[in-house]
C-alpha atoms as a PDB file:
ATOM      1  CA  MET A   1      26.217-112.624 -11.465  1.00  0.00           C
ATOM      2  CA  ILE A   2      24.553-115.118 -13.824  1.00  0.00           C
ATOM      3  CA  ALA A   3      20.762-115.295 -13.973  1.00  0.00           C
ATOM      4  CA  LEU A   4      18.693-118.209 -15.305  1.00  0.00           C
ATOM      5  CA  ASP A   5      15.721-118.176 -17.644  1.00  0.00           C
ATOM      6  CA  THR A   6      12.631-120.311 -17.255  1.00  0.00           C
ATOM      7  CA  ASN A   7      13.545-122.747 -20.017  1.00  0.00           C
ATOM      8  CA  LEU A   8      16.714-123.879 -18.222  1.00  0.00           C
ATOM      9  CA  LEU A   9      14.762-124.372 -15.006  1.00  0.00           C
ATOM     10  CA  VAL A  10      12.146-126.449 -16.822  1.00  0.00           C
ATOM     11  CA  TYR A  11      14.756-128.552 -18.663  1.00  0.00           C
ATOM     12  CA  ALA A  12      16.629-129.224 -15.419  1.00  0.00           C
ATOM     13  CA  HIS A  13      13.424-130.269 -13.652  1.00  0.00           C
ATOM     14  CA  ARG A  14      11.758-132.395 -16.349  1.00  0.00           C
ATOM     15  CA  ARG A  15      13.738-135.599 -16.897  1.00  0.00           C
ATOM     16  CA  GLU A  16      12.165-136.296 -20.288  1.00  0.00           C
ATOM     17  CA  SER A  17      13.586-133.081 -21.708  1.00  0.00           C
ATOM     18  CA  THR A  18      16.238-133.571 -24.383  1.00  0.00           C
ATOM     19  CA  PHE A  19      18.283-130.923 -22.558  1.00  0.00           C
ATOM     20  CA  HIS A  20      17.720-132.271 -19.036  1.00  0.00           C
ATOM     21  CA  ASP A  21      21.270-133.472 -18.362  1.00  0.00           C
ATOM     22  CA  LYS A  22      22.952-130.351 -19.753  1.00  0.00           C
ATOM     23  CA  ALA A  23      20.589-127.948 -17.977  1.00  0.00           C
ATOM     24  CA  ARG A  24      20.910-129.803 -14.688  1.00  0.00           C
ATOM     25  CA  ALA A  25      24.707-129.830 -14.970  1.00  0.00           C
ATOM     26  CA  ALA A  26      24.786-126.103 -15.775  1.00  0.00           C
ATOM     27  CA  ILE A  27      22.673-125.250 -12.732  1.00  0.00           C
ATOM     28  CA  GLU A  28      24.617-127.622 -10.485  1.00  0.00           C
ATOM     29  CA  GLY A  29      27.806-125.940 -11.680  1.00  0.00           C
ATOM     30  CA  LEU A  30      26.470-122.536 -10.671  1.00  0.00           C
ATOM     31  CA  VAL A  31      25.319-123.798  -7.288  1.00  0.00           C
ATOM     32  CA  SER A  32      28.620-125.518  -6.519  1.00  0.00           C
ATOM     33  CA  SER A  33      30.739-122.545  -7.664  1.00  0.00           C
ATOM     34  CA  GLY A  34      29.829-120.573  -4.555  1.00  0.00           C
ATOM     35  CA  SER A  35      29.455-117.443  -6.691  1.00  0.00           C
ATOM     36  CA  ALA A  36      26.244-115.460  -6.627  1.00  0.00           C
ATOM     37  CA  TRP A  37      23.690-116.618  -9.182  1.00  0.00           C
ATOM     38  CA  ALA A  38      20.127-115.487  -9.723  1.00  0.00           C
ATOM     39  CA  ILE A  39      16.616-116.330 -10.785  1.00  0.00           C
ATOM     40  CA  PRO A  40      14.171-113.525 -11.631  1.00  0.00           C
ATOM     41  CA  TRP A  41      10.853-114.019  -9.800  1.00  0.00           C
ATOM     42  CA  PRO A  42       8.871-113.948 -13.075  1.00  0.00           C
ATOM     43  CA  CYS A  43      10.893-117.009 -14.178  1.00  0.00           C
ATOM     44  CA  VAL A  44       9.917-118.837 -10.986  1.00  0.00           C
ATOM     45  CA  HIS A  45       6.249-118.060 -11.640  1.00  0.00           C
ATOM     46  CA  GLU A  46       6.527-119.167 -15.254  1.00  0.00           C
ATOM     47  CA  PHE A  47       8.444-122.339 -14.275  1.00  0.00           C
ATOM     48  CA  TYR A  48       5.657-123.330 -11.903  1.00  0.00           C
ATOM     49  CA  GLY A  49       2.986-122.619 -14.523  1.00  0.00           C
ATOM     50  CA  VAL A  50       4.754-124.610 -17.232  1.00  0.00           C
ATOM     51  CA  VAL A  51       5.723-127.732 -15.285  1.00  0.00           C
ATOM     52  CA  THR A  52       2.309-128.104 -13.625  1.00  0.00           C
ATOM     53  CA  ASN A  53       0.478-127.675 -16.945  1.00  0.00           C
ATOM     54  CA  ALA A  54      -1.116-130.988 -17.983  1.00  0.00           C
ATOM     55  CA  ARG A  55      -1.226-129.812 -21.618  1.00  0.00           C
ATOM     56  CA  ALA A  56       2.553-129.376 -21.633  1.00  0.00           C
ATOM     57  CA  PHE A  57       3.522-132.570 -19.791  1.00  0.00           C
ATOM     58  CA  THR A  58       1.918-135.952 -19.261  1.00  0.00           C
ATOM     59  CA  PRO A  59       1.983-136.323 -16.393  1.00  0.00           C
ATOM     60  CA  ALA A  60       2.552-132.772 -15.292  1.00  0.00           C
ATOM     61  CA  SER A  61       4.619-132.076 -12.203  1.00  0.00           C
ATOM     62  CA  THR A  62       2.487-132.060  -9.090  1.00  0.00           C
ATOM     63  CA  ILE A  63       2.151-129.005  -6.872  1.00  0.00           C
ATOM     64  CA  THR A  64       4.448-130.751  -4.402  1.00  0.00           C
ATOM     65  CA  GLN A  65       7.092-131.614  -7.010  1.00  0.00           C
ATOM     66  CA  ALA A  66       7.178-128.108  -8.481  1.00  0.00           C
ATOM     67  CA  SER A  67       7.214-126.496  -5.044  1.00  0.00           C
ATOM     68  CA  GLN A  68       9.988-128.782  -3.803  1.00  0.00           C
ATOM     69  CA  GLN A  69      12.116-127.926  -6.823  1.00  0.00           C
ATOM     70  CA  ILE A  70      11.738-124.203  -6.176  1.00  0.00           C
ATOM     71  CA  THR A  71      12.501-124.748  -2.491  1.00  0.00           C
ATOM     72  CA  GLU A  72      15.681-126.678  -3.403  1.00  0.00           C
ATOM     73  CA  TRP A  73      16.931-123.858  -5.635  1.00  0.00           C
ATOM     74  CA  ARG A  74      16.073-121.276  -3.006  1.00  0.00           C
ATOM     75  CA  ALA A  75      18.097-123.222  -0.415  1.00  0.00           C
ATOM     76  CA  SER A  76      21.298-122.387  -2.295  1.00  0.00           C
ATOM     77  CA  PRO A  77      23.118-119.843  -0.125  1.00  0.00           C
ATOM     78  CA  ALA A  78      24.456-118.019  -3.198  1.00  0.00           C
ATOM     79  CA  LEU A  79      21.071-117.640  -4.913  1.00  0.00           C
ATOM     80  CA  VAL A  80      19.728-114.115  -5.368  1.00  0.00           C
ATOM     81  CA  MET A  81      16.037-113.779  -6.194  1.00  0.00           C
ATOM     82  CA  LEU A  82      15.547-110.835  -8.559  1.00  0.00           C
ATOM     83  CA  HIS A  83      12.547-108.511  -8.620  1.00  0.00           C
ATOM     84  CA  GLU A  84      11.558-105.127  -9.985  1.00  0.00           C
ATOM     85  CA  SER A  85      13.487-102.190  -8.531  1.00  0.00           C
ATOM     86  CA  ALA A  86      12.239 -98.674  -7.872  1.00  0.00           C
ATOM     87  CA  ASN A  87      13.607 -97.718 -11.325  1.00  0.00           C
ATOM     88  CA  HIS A  88      11.879-100.572 -13.100  1.00  0.00           C
ATOM     89  CA  TRP A  89       9.689 -98.489 -15.386  1.00  0.00           C
ATOM     90  CA  ALA A  90      12.596 -96.395 -16.655  1.00  0.00           C
ATOM     91  CA  THR A  91      14.662 -99.501 -17.481  1.00  0.00           C
ATOM     92  CA  LEU A  92      11.705-101.386 -18.920  1.00  0.00           C
ATOM     93  CA  HIS A  93      10.542 -98.460 -21.044  1.00  0.00           C
ATOM     94  CA  LYS A  94      13.983 -98.112 -22.680  1.00  0.00           C
ATOM     95  CA  LEU A  95      13.879-101.804 -23.595  1.00  0.00           C
ATOM     96  CA  LEU A  96      10.317-101.552 -24.911  1.00  0.00           C
ATOM     97  CA  VAL A  97      11.197 -98.703 -27.234  1.00  0.00           C
ATOM     98  CA  ALA A  98      14.630 -99.963 -28.342  1.00  0.00           C
ATOM     99  CA  GLY A  99      13.379-103.533 -28.878  1.00  0.00           C
ATOM    100  CA  ARG A 100      10.085-102.446 -30.463  1.00  0.00           C
ATOM    101  CA  VAL A 101       8.337-104.704 -27.972  1.00  0.00           C
ATOM    102  CA  ILE A 102       4.649-105.452 -28.463  1.00  0.00           C
ATOM    103  CA  GLY A 103       2.133-107.938 -27.102  1.00  0.00           C
ATOM    104  CA  GLY A 104       3.449-111.004 -25.321  1.00  0.00           C
ATOM    105  CA  GLN A 105       7.051-109.873 -25.805  1.00  0.00           C
ATOM    106  CA  ILE A 106       6.536-107.771 -22.670  1.00  0.00           C
ATOM    107  CA  HIS A 107       7.260-110.842 -20.528  1.00  0.00           C
ATOM    108  CA  ASP A 108      10.816-111.189 -21.866  1.00  0.00           C
ATOM    109  CA  ALA A 109      11.333-107.423 -21.666  1.00  0.00           C
ATOM    110  CA  ARG A 110      10.285-107.488 -18.016  1.00  0.00           C
ATOM    111  CA  ILE A 111      12.808-110.233 -17.248  1.00  0.00           C
ATOM    112  CA  ALA A 112      15.555-108.411 -19.165  1.00  0.00           C
ATOM    113  CA  ALA A 113      14.826-105.174 -17.291  1.00  0.00           C
ATOM    114  CA  ILE A 114      14.950-106.939 -13.920  1.00  0.00           C
ATOM    115  CA  CYS A 115      18.307-108.492 -14.822  1.00  0.00           C
ATOM    116  CA  LEU A 116      19.741-105.162 -15.954  1.00  0.00           C
ATOM    117  CA  GLU A 117      18.493-103.442 -12.790  1.00  0.00           C
ATOM    118  CA  HIS A 118      20.442-105.940 -10.683  1.00  0.00           C
ATOM    119  CA  GLY A 119      23.661-105.865 -12.700  1.00  0.00           C
ATOM    120  CA  VAL A 120      23.380-109.374 -14.108  1.00  0.00           C
ATOM    121  CA  ARG A 121      26.503-109.889 -16.199  1.00  0.00           C
ATOM    122  CA  GLU A 122      25.121-112.869 -18.137  1.00  0.00           C
ATOM    123  CA  PHE A 123      21.612-114.230 -18.651  1.00  0.00           C
ATOM    124  CA  TRP A 124      21.472-117.929 -19.485  1.00  0.00           C
ATOM    125  CA  SER A 125      18.635-118.831 -21.817  1.00  0.00           C
ATOM    126  CA  ALA A 126      17.849-121.118 -24.732  1.00  0.00           C
ATOM    127  CA  ASP A 127      15.400-118.467 -25.993  1.00  0.00           C
ATOM    128  CA  ARG A 128      16.872-116.392 -28.823  1.00  0.00           C
ATOM    129  CA  ASP A 129      14.135-113.776 -28.370  1.00  0.00           C
ATOM    130  CA  PHE A 130      16.259-112.176 -25.646  1.00  0.00           C
ATOM    131  CA  ASN A 131      18.711-111.112 -28.356  1.00  0.00           C
ATOM    132  CA  ARG A 132      16.373-108.182 -29.035  1.00  0.00           C
ATOM    133  CA  PHE A 133      17.856-106.606 -25.890  1.00  0.00           C
ATOM    134  CA  PRO A 134      21.532-105.952 -26.777  1.00  0.00           C
ATOM    135  CA  SER A 135      22.202-104.322 -23.399  1.00  0.00           C
ATOM    136  CA  LEU A 136      21.717-107.768 -21.796  1.00  0.00           C
ATOM    137  CA  THR A 137      24.426-110.366 -22.430  1.00  0.00           C
ATOM    138  CA  VAL A 138      22.649-113.636 -23.217  1.00  0.00           C
ATOM    139  CA  ARG A 139      24.297-117.037 -23.476  1.00  0.00           C
ATOM    140  CA  ASN A 140      22.885-120.484 -24.119  1.00  0.00           C
ATOM    141  CA  PRO A 141      24.874-122.874 -21.894  1.00  0.00           C
ATOM    142  CA  LEU A 142      23.297-125.884 -23.622  1.00  0.00           C
ATOM    143  CA  VAL A 143      25.289-125.367 -26.832  1.00  0.00           C
ATOM    144  CA  GLY A 144      28.967-124.877 -27.587  1.00  0.00           C
END
């Protein structure tokens, strides 16, 4: 299963993004493949916070626009929404120690742990910070 990071969701949603077309095509490819694909819940929360932030975008996405986008993704029959499992702390703690995670890096560690808990085979992200978690296979579908 392939899981998507927030940045790809934002790029696919915001037309002015330099990576809009590539991100949209990557997501559409996943949806049309019929194979299971995933979004971790923390990425949904972050997506909503970013696209509705007037300091990030002028104009920012409205509540309706952001909500509709999430609803569209969730309508995909092959989408799996990922969340913390009962073993979350054990998985997260290993990542925290191995990756020497401090401060705000906890957000990425949380996402990585959720993906690992659910057997994600590949995490698509344009954020190189996820490389600090070698147990998670990360690929940027916007390059190469």
